[in-house]
Amino acid sequence: FEEAVRREVTMSDVVGSVLGERFGVPYVLSGEKSIGVDLDGDQFRIRIPSALGQKIWRESRKTGETESSVVLGTIAAHFDLLHEPVKKGRRRVVA
């Protein structure tokens, strides 16, 4: 969240930039300014080019991880955070 505020861009732009860099797909910033994020939710929707989505999908198939796990793992690695990959067919139970 701080990265979006610091750069004055949306969270989607921060995530899209990181993913684009990792997967070698150019990402063009939306030009929208950060207006804050609802940090109470557990989901976040990002807008990315279809070419980037296809690369994430292929990585997901290669690793056996869900697409969300590939995205989260990429973001976690970029910001030097821990991430436990989620394999396809394995569901986490949240108590």
Protein backbone atom coordinates (compact mmCIF):
# COMPACT_ATOMS: atom_id res chain seq x y z
CA PHE A 1 0.00 0.00 0.00
CA GLU A 2 2.81 2.42 0.89
CA GLU A 3 4.39 1.85 -2.53
CA ALA A 4 1.23 3.04 -4.30
CA VAL A 5 0.98 6.12 -2.11
CA ARG A 6 4.69 6.90 -2.50
CA ARG A 7 4.52 6.60 -6.30
CA GLU A 8 1.05 8.21 -6.47
CA VAL A 9 -0.36 5.35 -8.54
CA THR A 10 -3.01 2.69 -8.00
CA MET A 11 -2.28 -0.63 -6.30
CA SER A 12 -3.16 -2.28 -9.60
CA ASP A 13 -0.36 -0.28 -11.26
CA VAL A 14 2.16 -1.31 -8.60
CA VAL A 15 1.23 -4.98 -8.97
CA GLY A 16 1.06 -4.78 -12.77
CA SER A 17 4.51 -3.19 -12.94
CA VAL A 18 6.05 -5.87 -10.73
CA LEU A 19 4.39 -8.67 -12.70
CA GLY A 20 5.33 -7.12 -16.03
CA GLU A 21 8.96 -6.85 -14.97
CA ARG A 22 9.05 -10.46 -13.72
CA PHE A 23 7.40 -11.96 -16.80
CA GLY A 24 8.99 -9.70 -19.42
CA VAL A 25 5.75 -8.06 -20.56
CA PRO A 26 5.61 -4.27 -20.89
CA TYR A 27 3.11 -2.73 -18.47
CA VAL A 28 1.75 0.74 -19.12
CA LEU A 29 0.59 2.63 -16.03
CA SER A 30 -3.09 3.55 -16.02
CA GLY A 31 -2.39 7.18 -15.16
CA GLU A 32 -4.88 7.02 -12.31
CA LYS A 33 -3.88 8.39 -8.91
CA SER A 34 -3.98 6.32 -5.76
CA ILE A 35 -7.23 6.96 -3.91
CA GLY A 36 -6.61 4.58 -1.04
CA VAL A 37 -7.31 0.92 -0.53
CA ASP A 38 -9.79 -0.97 1.60
CA LEU A 39 -7.39 -2.99 3.72
CA ASP A 40 -10.21 -4.83 5.50
CA GLY A 41 -10.94 -7.06 2.51
CA ASP A 42 -9.11 -10.25 1.61
CA GLN A 43 -9.34 -9.83 -2.15
CA PHE A 44 -7.89 -7.39 -4.61
CA ARG A 45 -8.63 -7.11 -8.33
CA ILE A 46 -5.84 -6.07 -10.69
CA ARG A 47 -6.05 -5.00 -14.31
CA ILE A 48 -3.29 -6.46 -16.47
CA PRO A 49 -2.79 -6.90 -20.22
CA SER A 50 -3.91 -10.25 -21.66
CA ALA A 51 -0.31 -11.11 -22.67
CA LEU A 52 0.71 -10.82 -19.01
CA GLY A 53 -2.28 -12.88 -17.89
CA GLN A 54 -1.28 -15.60 -20.37
CA LYS A 55 2.28 -15.71 -19.01
CA ILE A 56 0.95 -16.01 -15.45
CA TRP A 57 -1.39 -18.79 -16.61
CA ARG A 58 1.50 -20.67 -18.25
CA GLU A 59 3.64 -20.29 -15.10
CA SER A 60 0.71 -21.61 -13.07
CA ARG A 61 0.45 -24.69 -15.27
CA LYS A 62 4.22 -25.25 -15.14
CA THR A 63 4.50 -25.00 -11.34
CA GLY A 64 1.14 -26.53 -10.40
CA GLU A 65 0.31 -23.41 -8.38
CA THR A 66 -2.90 -21.45 -8.68
CA GLU A 67 -2.67 -18.26 -10.71
CA SER A 68 -3.31 -16.25 -7.54
CA SER A 69 -0.41 -18.02 -5.86
CA VAL A 70 1.89 -17.17 -8.79
CA VAL A 71 0.88 -13.51 -8.51
CA LEU A 72 1.24 -13.42 -4.72
CA GLY A 73 4.58 -15.23 -4.88
CA THR A 74 5.90 -12.74 -7.42
CA ILE A 75 4.78 -9.77 -5.33
CA ALA A 76 6.14 -11.35 -2.13
CA ALA A 77 9.54 -11.98 -3.75
CA HIS A 78 9.67 -8.41 -5.06
CA PHE A 79 9.02 -6.93 -1.62
CA ASP A 80 11.13 -9.57 0.16
CA LEU A 81 8.18 -11.16 1.98
CA LEU A 82 7.44 -14.79 2.79
CA HIS A 83 4.95 -16.70 0.64
CA GLU A 84 3.71 -20.28 0.85
CA PRO A 85 2.71 -21.46 -2.65
CA VAL A 86 -0.82 -22.81 -3.05
CA LYS A 87 -1.00 -25.84 -5.35
CA LYS A 88 -3.97 -26.49 -7.58
CA GLY A 89 -6.65 -28.64 -5.98
CA ARG A 90 -5.49 -27.78 -2.46
CA ARG A 91 -7.79 -25.44 -0.59
CA ARG A 92 -6.88 -23.55 2.53
CA VAL A 93 -9.40 -23.56 5.31
CA VAL A 94 -9.63 -20.23 7.07
CA ALA A 95 -11.00 -20.44 10.59
